[in-house]
Amino acid sequence: MVIVMKAGTPQGQIDHVLDRIRELGYTPHIISGVERVVIGAVGGDSGKDQLQSLETYDGVESVVPILKPFKLASAEVKPERSVIRIAGGVEIGGNKLCIMAGPCSVESEEQMLEVAQSVKASGAHMLRGGAYKPRTSPYSFQGHAEDGLKLLAKAREVTGLPFITEVMDTADVELVAEYADIVQIGTRNTQNFSLLKKVGECNKPVFLKRGLATTINEWLMSAEYILSKGNPDVILCERGIRTFETATRNTMDLSAIPVLNELTHLPVILDPSHGTGYRRFVSPMAMASIAAGADGLMIEVHNDPENAWSDGPQSLDLPMFQAMMTQMKAFADASGRSL
């Protein structure tokens, strides 16, 4: 159920409603809008009739059933779009697009500083880089772990760019959250429910990538795990799905953008690097993503893609990224957004 409070309702009346929700065995989640407070009551069906009676309480405007299985992620509970605010004044989900750029893997201090300084000069708002790397082969480079986090922190110190990086294990969540500005859940962990609940308890925004064969409904239910644990700052990332097509690494599902913008209030980011797997397709799909209504992009950028330790074929080099950002401004302007 969604309990919509009247505009200007005193805090005491809100607290009275919250207490009653808890008495009925539900967990209240407060969603503060521009003009009024909305309370999501999440739980089973046993007390829904009693919840409906909250319409008689002082300060309550209406009580509305949530029809979607994903309650807190649903646009029914929050019609206005969420804006996630990151350190350094970066916003994700507003009128300004957010561009995240950097290498697949953190390799060295020299590499990270060169890439970070270049992508910032080209207009990127955040730095990305993998300190922990989930790889198909156990013999491939797995990342520098905490040493990689320290290199990302050094690049942030030098450039001022906040950074996003992936966490793969519940045991590492606190460590990664200590360093990172956004904690990423990768495609292989989209339905790792223990990990989702753990990041739901941390105090950093969570970037949730879509699984290789995850439906949009399943993806939003994964977001629900995070939201239900008290973390309201979830960002969705479409990064391509596995289909029968072999011309690209994955199949970029652009239709997911308008679908998600209709179903949920959460921001939506596109990753055309993993979505296509080839650097020559990254820029066209980036432009298409903006036209479709994405809130930003995650782009793999490397100072020497031919010798990258991972994902070199899909990484833009530094001049290519600069050219893409220059071209992107016209697409942003045409779609009513800004860079």
Protein backbone atom coordinates (compact mmCIF):
# COMPACT_ATOMS: atom_id res chain seq x y z
CA MET A 1 0.00 0.00 0.00
CA VAL A 2 0.98 3.64 -0.53
CA ILE A 3 -0.18 6.14 2.05
CA VAL A 4 -0.18 9.65 0.59
CA MET A 5 -0.01 12.38 3.22
CA LYS A 6 -1.53 15.81 2.66
CA ALA A 7 0.77 18.69 1.81
CA GLY A 8 2.12 20.33 4.94
CA THR A 9 1.14 17.50 7.28
CA PRO A 10 2.73 17.99 10.75
CA GLN A 11 5.41 15.49 11.74
CA GLY A 12 3.33 14.27 14.67
CA GLN A 13 0.55 13.06 12.36
CA ILE A 14 3.09 11.36 10.12
CA ASP A 15 4.61 9.60 13.14
CA HIS A 16 1.13 8.42 14.21
CA VAL A 17 0.61 6.80 10.80
CA LEU A 18 4.08 5.22 10.90
CA ASP A 19 3.37 3.71 14.32
CA ARG A 20 0.10 2.18 13.10
CA ILE A 21 1.80 0.70 10.03
CA ARG A 22 4.33 -1.02 12.28
CA GLU A 23 1.59 -2.26 14.62
CA LEU A 24 -0.03 -4.00 11.64
CA GLY A 25 3.22 -5.86 10.90
CA TYR A 26 4.30 -3.77 7.89
CA THR A 27 7.57 -1.97 7.27
CA PRO A 28 7.13 1.73 6.45
CA HIS A 29 9.38 3.41 3.90
CA ILE A 30 9.20 7.20 3.79
CA ILE A 31 9.51 8.82 0.38
CA SER A 32 9.80 12.60 0.60
CA GLY A 33 8.50 14.42 -2.46
CA VAL A 34 8.66 18.09 -3.36
CA GLU A 35 5.29 18.93 -1.78
CA ARG A 36 4.25 15.95 0.32
CA VAL A 37 5.36 12.79 2.06
CA VAL A 38 4.43 9.36 0.72
CA ILE A 39 4.76 6.24 2.88
CA GLY A 40 5.16 2.80 1.34
CA ALA A 41 3.86 0.02 3.62
CA VAL A 42 5.61 -3.19 2.60
CA GLY A 43 4.60 -6.64 3.86
CA GLY A 44 2.09 -9.43 3.36
CA ASP A 45 -1.64 -9.22 2.61
CA SER A 46 -3.01 -10.10 6.06
CA GLY A 47 -3.41 -6.51 7.24
CA LYS A 48 -4.28 -4.73 4.01
CA ASP A 49 -7.88 -4.00 5.09
CA GLN A 50 -6.61 -2.35 8.25
CA LEU A 51 -4.13 -0.36 6.18
CA GLN A 52 -6.98 0.91 4.04
CA SER A 53 -8.57 2.32 7.22
CA LEU A 54 -5.64 4.74 7.51
CA GLU A 55 -7.62 6.97 5.15
CA THR A 56 -9.52 8.13 8.26
CA TYR A 57 -6.33 9.32 10.02
CA ASP A 58 -5.53 13.02 10.31
CA GLY A 59 -3.14 14.16 7.59
CA VAL A 60 -3.80 11.22 5.25
CA GLU A 61 -4.94 12.16 1.76
CA SER A 62 -5.36 8.67 0.30
CA VAL A 63 -4.35 5.01 0.59
CA VAL A 64 -3.56 3.36 -2.73
CA PRO A 65 -2.79 -0.34 -3.39
CA ILE A 66 0.48 -1.01 -5.24
CA LEU A 67 -0.32 -3.39 -8.07
CA LYS A 68 3.24 -4.16 -9.20
CA PRO A 69 5.21 -6.95 -7.48
CA PHE A 70 8.09 -4.50 -7.07
CA LYS A 71 6.66 -2.08 -4.54
CA LEU A 72 9.30 0.50 -3.62
CA ALA A 73 10.79 0.57 -7.13
CA SER A 74 7.42 1.21 -8.73
CA ALA A 75 6.33 4.52 -10.23
CA GLU A 76 3.06 3.92 -8.36
CA VAL A 77 4.79 4.67 -5.07
CA LYS A 78 6.71 7.67 -6.43
CA PRO A 79 5.40 9.26 -9.64
CA GLU A 80 8.22 11.82 -9.85
CA ARG A 81 11.66 10.64 -10.98
CA SER A 82 14.31 9.99 -8.36
CA VAL A 83 17.51 12.02 -8.47
CA ILE A 84 20.55 10.37 -6.85
CA ARG A 85 23.07 12.86 -5.51
CA ILE A 86 26.73 11.85 -5.42
CA ALA A 87 29.69 13.49 -3.73
CA GLY A 88 31.19 16.35 -5.72
CA GLY A 89 27.83 17.73 -6.83
CA VAL A 90 27.10 14.97 -9.36
CA GLU A 91 23.42 14.12 -9.88
CA ILE A 92 22.00 11.06 -11.62
CA GLY A 93 18.42 11.20 -12.83
CA GLY A 94 17.95 14.93 -13.31
CA ASN A 95 17.93 16.97 -16.48
CA LYS A 96 21.72 16.78 -16.75
CA LEU A 97 23.15 13.57 -18.19
CA CYS A 98 25.75 11.72 -16.11
CA ILE A 99 28.69 10.26 -18.02
CA MET A 100 30.83 7.62 -16.28
CA ALA A 101 34.07 6.72 -18.04
CA GLY A 102 37.23 4.77 -17.40
CA PRO A 103 38.95 1.44 -17.95
CA CYS A 104 37.47 -1.99 -17.37
CA SER A 105 40.31 -2.88 -14.99
CA VAL A 106 42.52 -0.77 -12.76
CA GLU A 107 46.00 -1.69 -13.96
CA SER A 108 48.45 0.91 -12.59
CA GLU A 109 48.64 4.37 -11.08
CA GLU A 110 49.99 5.83 -14.33
CA GLN A 111 47.12 4.32 -16.33
CA MET A 112 44.41 5.52 -13.92
CA LEU A 113 45.74 9.05 -13.64
CA GLU A 114 46.16 9.45 -17.40
CA VAL A 115 42.67 8.13 -18.14
CA ALA A 116 41.02 10.06 -15.29
CA GLN A 117 42.58 13.38 -16.29
CA SER A 118 41.69 12.86 -19.94
CA VAL A 119 38.05 11.84 -19.46
CA LYS A 120 37.52 14.74 -17.07
CA ALA A 121 38.91 17.16 -19.66
CA SER A 122 36.50 15.65 -22.20
CA GLY A 123 33.50 16.25 -19.93
CA ALA A 124 32.97 13.03 -17.94
CA HIS A 125 31.34 13.41 -14.52
CA MET A 126 32.47 10.17 -12.88
CA LEU A 127 35.33 7.71 -13.14
CA ARG A 128 34.77 3.98 -13.49
CA GLY A 129 37.26 1.17 -12.98
CA GLY A 130 37.34 -2.41 -11.77
CA ALA A 131 39.32 -3.26 -8.63
CA TYR A 132 37.60 -6.65 -8.35
CA LYS A 133 37.04 -8.31 -11.71
CA PRO A 134 34.56 -11.14 -12.33
CA ARG A 135 36.04 -13.11 -15.25
CA THR A 136 34.74 -16.05 -17.24
CA SER A 137 38.09 -17.80 -16.93
CA PRO A 138 39.65 -18.41 -13.48
CA TYR A 139 43.05 -17.86 -15.12
CA SER A 140 42.29 -14.31 -16.28
CA PHE A 141 43.31 -11.19 -14.35
CA GLN A 142 40.99 -10.83 -11.35
CA GLY A 143 41.83 -7.28 -10.26
CA HIS A 144 44.07 -5.61 -7.67
CA ALA A 145 41.41 -5.66 -4.91
CA GLU A 146 42.09 -3.05 -2.20
CA ASP A 147 45.21 -1.83 -3.97
CA GLY A 148 42.97 -1.07 -6.94
CA LEU A 149 40.55 0.83 -4.70
CA LYS A 150 43.46 2.92 -3.45
CA LEU A 151 44.46 3.79 -7.02
CA LEU A 152 40.89 4.84 -7.80
CA ALA A 153 40.90 6.99 -4.66
CA LYS A 154 44.17 8.57 -5.78
CA ALA A 155 42.67 9.40 -9.17
CA ARG A 156 39.67 10.97 -7.41
CA GLU A 157 41.99 13.04 -5.25
CA VAL A 158 43.89 14.33 -8.28
CA THR A 159 40.91 15.02 -10.57
CA GLY A 160 37.95 15.53 -8.24
CA LEU A 161 35.97 12.86 -10.12
CA PRO A 162 33.91 10.58 -7.85
CA PHE A 163 34.23 6.92 -8.82
CA ILE A 164 32.14 3.79 -9.18
CA THR A 165 33.48 0.25 -8.83
CA GLU A 166 32.08 -3.27 -8.50
CA VAL A 167 31.71 -5.40 -5.39
CA MET A 168 31.44 -9.16 -5.84
CA ASP A 169 31.26 -10.62 -2.34
CA THR A 170 29.28 -9.81 0.80
CA ALA A 171 32.56 -9.88 2.74
CA ASP A 172 33.90 -6.94 0.69
CA VAL A 173 30.87 -4.61 0.79
CA GLU A 174 32.05 -2.50 3.75
CA LEU A 175 35.55 -2.14 2.30
CA VAL A 176 34.34 -1.13 -1.16
CA ALA A 177 31.76 1.27 0.30
CA GLU A 178 34.52 2.87 2.39
CA TYR A 179 36.36 3.88 -0.79
CA ALA A 180 33.77 4.15 -3.58
CA ASP A 181 31.17 6.85 -4.23
CA ILE A 182 28.86 4.31 -5.91
CA VAL A 183 28.90 0.55 -5.33
CA GLN A 184 28.25 -1.50 -8.47
CA ILE A 185 26.48 -4.87 -8.66
CA GLY A 186 27.60 -6.56 -11.87
CA THR A 187 25.54 -8.58 -14.28
CA ARG A 188 26.64 -11.93 -12.81
CA ASN A 189 25.35 -10.89 -9.39
CA THR A 190 22.03 -9.34 -10.38
CA GLN A 191 20.18 -12.10 -8.55
CA ASN A 192 22.73 -12.74 -5.80
CA PHE A 193 20.16 -11.94 -3.12
CA SER A 194 22.57 -12.14 -0.19
CA LEU A 195 24.76 -9.51 -1.85
CA LEU A 196 21.76 -7.35 -2.77
CA LYS A 197 20.55 -7.33 0.84
CA LYS A 198 24.05 -6.48 2.06
CA VAL A 199 24.45 -3.44 -0.22
CA GLY A 200 20.92 -2.46 0.77
CA GLU A 201 22.29 -1.93 4.26
CA CYS A 202 25.26 0.23 3.22
CA ASN A 203 25.18 4.01 3.01
CA LYS A 204 26.31 4.38 -0.61
CA PRO A 205 24.26 4.50 -3.82
CA VAL A 206 24.02 1.15 -5.63
CA PHE A 207 24.43 0.73 -9.39
CA LEU A 208 22.51 -2.41 -10.42
CA LYS A 209 23.38 -3.90 -13.80
CA ARG A 210 20.91 -6.10 -15.67
CA GLY A 211 21.66 -9.82 -15.79
CA LEU A 212 22.49 -11.56 -19.06
CA ALA A 213 19.10 -13.28 -19.18
CA THR A 214 17.14 -11.22 -16.63
CA THR A 215 13.69 -9.94 -17.53
CA ILE A 216 12.82 -6.37 -16.66
CA ASN A 217 10.42 -7.61 -13.98
CA GLU A 218 13.14 -9.80 -12.42
CA TRP A 219 15.60 -6.91 -12.59
CA LEU A 220 13.23 -4.58 -10.75
CA MET A 221 12.61 -7.25 -8.14
CA SER A 222 16.39 -7.31 -7.58
CA ALA A 223 16.25 -3.54 -7.07
CA GLU A 224 13.44 -4.17 -4.59
CA TYR A 225 15.78 -6.28 -2.45
CA ILE A 226 18.11 -3.29 -2.09
CA LEU A 227 15.33 -0.76 -1.49
CA SER A 228 13.57 -2.98 1.06
CA LYS A 229 16.71 -2.97 3.21
CA GLY A 230 16.53 0.80 3.55
CA ASN A 231 18.83 2.06 0.78
CA PRO A 232 16.74 4.39 -1.45
CA ASP A 233 19.57 5.23 -3.87
CA VAL A 234 19.45 2.62 -6.62
CA ILE A 235 20.52 3.24 -10.22
CA LEU A 236 19.65 0.77 -12.99
CA CYS A 237 22.06 -0.05 -15.82
CA GLU A 238 21.08 -1.75 -19.07
CA ARG A 239 24.20 -3.43 -20.45
CA GLY A 240 22.88 -5.79 -23.11
CA ILE A 241 21.31 -9.21 -22.85
CA ARG A 242 22.22 -12.60 -24.27
CA THR A 243 20.32 -13.60 -27.41
CA PHE A 244 20.96 -15.77 -30.47
CA GLU A 245 22.78 -12.85 -32.18
CA THR A 246 26.55 -13.21 -32.58
CA ALA A 247 27.41 -10.04 -34.52
CA THR A 248 27.76 -8.19 -31.22
CA ARG A 249 28.92 -9.35 -27.80
CA ASN A 250 25.41 -8.83 -26.37
CA THR A 251 22.13 -7.43 -27.68
CA MET A 252 21.59 -3.84 -26.53
CA ASP A 253 17.98 -3.57 -25.36
CA LEU A 254 17.19 0.08 -26.05
CA SER A 255 13.48 -0.59 -25.54
CA ALA A 256 14.28 -1.19 -21.85
CA ILE A 257 14.78 2.57 -21.39
CA PRO A 258 11.22 3.77 -22.13
CA VAL A 259 9.79 0.68 -20.44
CA LEU A 260 11.73 1.39 -17.24
CA ASN A 261 10.90 5.10 -17.40
CA GLU A 262 7.24 4.07 -17.34
CA LEU A 263 7.50 1.38 -14.64
CA THR A 264 9.93 2.89 -12.13
CA HIS A 265 11.13 6.17 -10.66
CA LEU A 266 14.74 4.93 -10.55
CA PRO A 267 17.37 6.48 -12.88
CA VAL A 268 18.45 4.45 -15.91
CA ILE A 269 22.02 4.35 -17.27
CA LEU A 270 23.16 2.62 -20.48
CA ASP A 271 26.42 0.73 -20.98
CA PRO A 272 26.98 0.48 -24.76
CA SER A 273 30.51 -0.88 -24.24
CA HIS A 274 29.30 -4.21 -22.87
CA GLY A 275 26.09 -3.91 -24.86
CA THR A 276 27.94 -4.16 -28.17
CA GLY A 277 31.44 -5.43 -27.38
CA TYR A 278 33.08 -3.47 -30.20
CA ARG A 279 34.36 0.08 -29.88
CA ARG A 280 33.10 1.11 -33.33
CA PHE A 281 29.49 0.55 -32.18
CA VAL A 282 29.78 2.31 -28.83
CA SER A 283 29.27 5.90 -29.97
CA PRO A 284 26.18 5.21 -32.19
CA MET A 285 24.50 3.29 -29.37
CA ALA A 286 25.41 6.00 -26.88
CA MET A 287 23.61 8.58 -29.02
CA ALA A 288 20.61 6.28 -29.46
CA SER A 289 20.46 5.76 -25.68
CA ILE A 290 20.16 9.49 -25.07
CA ALA A 291 17.42 9.78 -27.67
CA ALA A 292 15.55 6.92 -25.98
CA GLY A 293 15.57 8.72 -22.61
CA ALA A 294 18.57 7.38 -20.67
CA ASP A 295 19.81 9.41 -17.71
CA GLY A 296 23.44 8.80 -18.57
CA LEU A 297 26.08 6.46 -19.91
CA MET A 298 28.84 4.19 -18.67
CA ILE A 299 31.68 4.03 -21.21
CA GLU A 300 34.87 1.98 -21.11
CA VAL A 301 37.86 4.18 -21.95
CA HIS A 302 41.51 3.15 -21.97
CA ASN A 303 44.74 4.97 -22.79
CA ASP A 304 46.03 1.91 -24.70
CA PRO A 305 43.09 -0.37 -25.62
CA GLU A 306 45.20 -2.72 -27.73
CA ASN A 307 47.15 -3.72 -24.62
CA ALA A 308 44.35 -3.50 -22.07
CA TRP A 309 44.30 -6.27 -19.47
CA SER A 310 40.56 -6.79 -20.07
CA ASP A 311 37.86 -5.69 -22.54
CA GLY A 312 40.25 -3.90 -24.91
CA PRO A 313 38.12 -4.46 -28.07
CA GLN A 314 35.17 -2.55 -26.60
CA SER A 315 37.17 0.27 -25.00
CA LEU A 316 37.43 3.70 -26.63
CA ASP A 317 40.84 5.31 -26.70
CA LEU A 318 41.19 8.82 -25.31
CA PRO A 319 40.71 10.75 -28.60
CA MET A 320 37.69 8.61 -29.48
CA PHE A 321 36.04 9.41 -26.17
CA GLN A 322 36.71 13.11 -26.63
CA ALA A 323 35.15 13.00 -30.11
CA MET A 324 32.12 11.13 -28.79
CA MET A 325 31.56 13.70 -26.04
CA THR A 326 31.75 16.55 -28.57
CA GLN A 327 29.19 14.84 -30.79
CA MET A 328 26.98 13.94 -27.84
CA LYS A 329 26.20 17.56 -26.96
CA ALA A 330 23.98 17.96 -30.02
CA PHE A 331 22.02 14.81 -29.12
CA ALA A 332 21.63 15.99 -25.53
CA ASP A 333 20.37 19.38 -26.67
CA ALA A 334 17.91 17.79 -29.11
CA SER A 335 16.45 15.60 -26.36
CA GLY A 336 16.10 18.49 -23.91
CA ARG A 337 18.99 17.38 -21.73
CA SER A 338 22.38 18.88 -20.98
CA LEU A 339 25.94 17.62 -20.44
